[in-house]
Each structure stands twice: as C-alpha cells, then as structure tokens.
Amino acid sequence: MKYILPALLVLVCTGDIAAAGSIKSNMLERRTARAIRNAGFWCDRITDAQIDKGLSSMGPTIVRVTCDDKTRFEQYKVTMTKDNKIAKIEPWK
C-alpha cells in the first residue's frame, strides 16, 4: 500500500514531462513549416524530420523535412547553422 502513492506520483509526473516535450516539438514543427512557406514552398503539416547523417558528416547539419497532408507530399532539405538556425531551404531531389 505504501508503494501505490509514489508510483502514481511518478506516473503523473512522467505524463507532464512527455506533454511538455510534445508541446515543444509541435512548436518547433510549426516554426519550421512557417519558415518553409516564407521561403516560397508549400508545407501545411510536417509529418517527419530526419537528420541526413551522410550529408551532415562533412559540414553543416542537413535535415530532411517531409510535409504531407494526405493530398500533397513534398520533401525539403533544410540546412542548419551551428546555432541551430535555418540557413537554407531547398526542395529535396
């Protein structure tokens, strides 16, 4: 019985931490989608973002961003600076 309360407390705290992480992730996705649109490309909803380790190994970080709203699909190559700001956005070929 004395282990139930600490277990519930851990469960509640873990849920709050996960929710805070997803809020930060959603905000970052919206900010990236806005930057892509401001560059003149289409992006309503980001469904995936992966660091391209092959291209990133020789210089700046390259992130492959996938925008997909189930009617349209586009991928972009987003080049990041050392302080994690977007330097360049171009269509993924």
C-alpha atoms as a PDB file:
ATOM      1  CA  MET A   1       0.000   0.000   0.000  1.00  0.00           C
ATOM      2  CA  LYS A   2       2.840   2.403   0.773  1.00  0.00           C
ATOM      3  CA  TYR A   3       4.186   1.989  -2.823  1.00  0.00           C
ATOM      4  CA  ILE A   4       0.961   2.979  -4.553  1.00  0.00           C
ATOM      5  CA  LEU A   5       1.185   6.730  -3.875  1.00  0.00           C
ATOM      6  CA  PRO A   6       4.815   7.110  -5.071  1.00  0.00           C
ATOM      7  CA  ALA A   7       4.019   5.036  -8.165  1.00  0.00           C
ATOM      8  CA  LEU A   8       1.036   7.244  -9.003  1.00  0.00           C
ATOM      9  CA  LEU A   9       3.135  10.370  -8.433  1.00  0.00           C
ATOM     10  CA  VAL A  10       5.818   9.098 -10.834  1.00  0.00           C
ATOM     11  CA  LEU A  11       3.155   8.236 -13.404  1.00  0.00           C
ATOM     12  CA  VAL A  12       1.599  11.728 -13.227  1.00  0.00           C
ATOM     13  CA  CYS A  13       4.987  13.486 -13.411  1.00  0.00           C
ATOM     14  CA  THR A  14       6.090  11.367 -16.369  1.00  0.00           C
ATOM     15  CA  GLY A  15       2.925  12.333 -18.233  1.00  0.00           C
ATOM     16  CA  ASP A  16       3.577  16.041 -17.604  1.00  0.00           C
ATOM     17  CA  ILE A  17       7.164  15.762 -18.853  1.00  0.00           C
ATOM     18  CA  ALA A  18       6.045  13.931 -22.008  1.00  0.00           C
ATOM     19  CA  ALA A  19       3.362  16.559 -22.660  1.00  0.00           C
ATOM     20  CA  ALA A  20       5.901  19.371 -22.290  1.00  0.00           C
ATOM     21  CA  GLY A  21       8.209  17.624 -24.761  1.00  0.00           C
ATOM     22  CA  SER A  22       5.441  17.204 -27.330  1.00  0.00           C
ATOM     23  CA  ILE A  23       4.407  20.867 -26.947  1.00  0.00           C
ATOM     24  CA  LYS A  24       7.977  21.946 -27.645  1.00  0.00           C
ATOM     25  CA  SER A  25       8.145  19.569 -30.613  1.00  0.00           C
ATOM     26  CA  ASN A  26       4.854  20.879 -32.036  1.00  0.00           C
ATOM     27  CA  MET A  27       6.053  24.463 -31.687  1.00  0.00           C
ATOM     28  CA  LEU A  28       9.298  23.614 -33.499  1.00  0.00           C
ATOM     29  CA  GLU A  29       7.360  21.876 -36.294  1.00  0.00           C
ATOM     30  CA  ARG A  30       5.048  24.872 -36.753  1.00  0.00           C
ATOM     31  CA  ARG A  31       8.015  27.264 -36.795  1.00  0.00           C
ATOM     32  CA  THR A  32       9.813  25.134 -39.407  1.00  0.00           C
ATOM     33  CA  ALA A  33       6.677  24.839 -41.580  1.00  0.00           C
ATOM     34  CA  ARG A  34       6.271  28.627 -41.416  1.00  0.00           C
ATOM     35  CA  ALA A  35       9.904  29.134 -42.469  1.00  0.00           C
ATOM     36  CA  ILE A  36       9.385  26.768 -45.428  1.00  0.00           C
ATOM     37  CA  ARG A  37       6.261  28.673 -46.502  1.00  0.00           C
ATOM     38  CA  ASN A  38       8.062  32.015 -46.113  1.00  0.00           C
ATOM     39  CA  ALA A  39      10.768  30.687 -48.462  1.00  0.00           C
ATOM     40  CA  GLY A  40       8.057  30.238 -51.115  1.00  0.00           C
ATOM     41  CA  PHE A  41       7.452  26.495 -50.806  1.00  0.00           C
ATOM     42  CA  TRP A  42       4.375  24.518 -49.801  1.00  0.00           C
ATOM     43  CA  CYS A  43       4.194  22.992 -46.329  1.00  0.00           C
ATOM     44  CA  ASP A  44       0.970  22.754 -44.352  1.00  0.00           C
ATOM     45  CA  ARG A  45       1.909  19.943 -41.986  1.00  0.00           C
ATOM     46  CA  ILE A  46       5.263  18.390 -41.158  1.00  0.00           C
ATOM     47  CA  THR A  47       4.976  14.634 -40.776  1.00  0.00           C
ATOM     48  CA  ASP A  48       8.661  13.744 -40.474  1.00  0.00           C
ATOM     49  CA  ALA A  49      12.050  15.370 -39.952  1.00  0.00           C
ATOM     50  CA  GLN A  50      15.285  13.369 -40.047  1.00  0.00           C
ATOM     51  CA  ILE A  51      18.919  14.451 -39.921  1.00  0.00           C
ATOM     52  CA  ASP A  52      20.725  13.231 -43.040  1.00  0.00           C
ATOM     53  CA  LYS A  53      23.855  11.800 -41.432  1.00  0.00           C
ATOM     54  CA  GLY A  54      25.621  11.245 -44.756  1.00  0.00           C
ATOM     55  CA  LEU A  55      25.327  14.851 -45.918  1.00  0.00           C
ATOM     56  CA  SER A  56      25.773  16.288 -42.423  1.00  0.00           C
ATOM     57  CA  SER A  57      29.049  14.468 -41.774  1.00  0.00           C
ATOM     58  CA  MET A  58      31.086  16.832 -43.932  1.00  0.00           C
ATOM     59  CA  GLY A  59      29.710  20.194 -42.854  1.00  0.00           C
ATOM     60  CA  PRO A  60      26.530  21.840 -41.581  1.00  0.00           C
ATOM     61  CA  THR A  61      23.574  19.828 -40.337  1.00  0.00           C
ATOM     62  CA  ILE A  62      21.151  18.850 -43.112  1.00  0.00           C
ATOM     63  CA  VAL A  63      17.601  17.904 -42.103  1.00  0.00           C
ATOM     64  CA  ARG A  64      15.182  16.185 -44.494  1.00  0.00           C
ATOM     65  CA  VAL A  65      11.714  17.567 -43.749  1.00  0.00           C
ATOM     66  CA  THR A  66       8.606  15.822 -45.070  1.00  0.00           C
ATOM     67  CA  CYS A  67       5.378  17.780 -45.476  1.00  0.00           C
ATOM     68  CA  ASP A  68       2.281  15.681 -46.072  1.00  0.00           C
ATOM     69  CA  ASP A  69      -1.390  16.492 -45.603  1.00  0.00           C
ATOM     70  CA  LYS A  70      -2.663  13.253 -47.249  1.00  0.00           C
ATOM     71  CA  THR A  71      -3.401  15.125 -50.508  1.00  0.00           C
ATOM     72  CA  ARG A  72       0.044  16.500 -51.264  1.00  0.00           C
ATOM     73  CA  PHE A  73       3.558  15.264 -50.427  1.00  0.00           C
ATOM     74  CA  GLU A  74       6.771  17.332 -50.558  1.00  0.00           C
ATOM     75  CA  GLN A  75      10.255  16.927 -49.073  1.00  0.00           C
ATOM     76  CA  TYR A  76      12.768  19.676 -48.378  1.00  0.00           C
ATOM     77  CA  LYS A  77      16.436  19.856 -47.479  1.00  0.00           C
ATOM     78  CA  VAL A  78      16.860  22.306 -44.603  1.00  0.00           C
ATOM     79  CA  THR A  79      20.431  23.406 -43.893  1.00  0.00           C
ATOM     80  CA  MET A  80      21.041  24.437 -40.285  1.00  0.00           C
ATOM     81  CA  THR A  81      23.738  26.736 -38.887  1.00  0.00           C
ATOM     82  CA  LYS A  82      25.895  25.843 -35.893  1.00  0.00           C
ATOM     83  CA  ASP A  83      23.492  27.639 -33.548  1.00  0.00           C
ATOM     84  CA  ASN A  84      20.503  25.631 -34.941  1.00  0.00           C
ATOM     85  CA  LYS A  85      19.015  28.350 -37.119  1.00  0.00           C
ATOM     86  CA  ILE A  86      17.788  27.734 -40.646  1.00  0.00           C
ATOM     87  CA  ALA A  87      20.371  28.823 -43.203  1.00  0.00           C
ATOM     88  CA  LYS A  88      18.831  27.477 -46.432  1.00  0.00           C
ATOM     89  CA  ILE A  89      15.727  25.634 -47.616  1.00  0.00           C
ATOM     90  CA  GLU A  90      15.566  23.803 -50.930  1.00  0.00           C
ATOM     91  CA  PRO A  91      13.424  21.040 -52.428  1.00  0.00           C
ATOM     92  CA  TRP A  92      14.732  17.513 -51.837  1.00  0.00           C
ATOM     93  CA  LYS A  93      15.759  15.940 -55.131  1.00  0.00           C
END
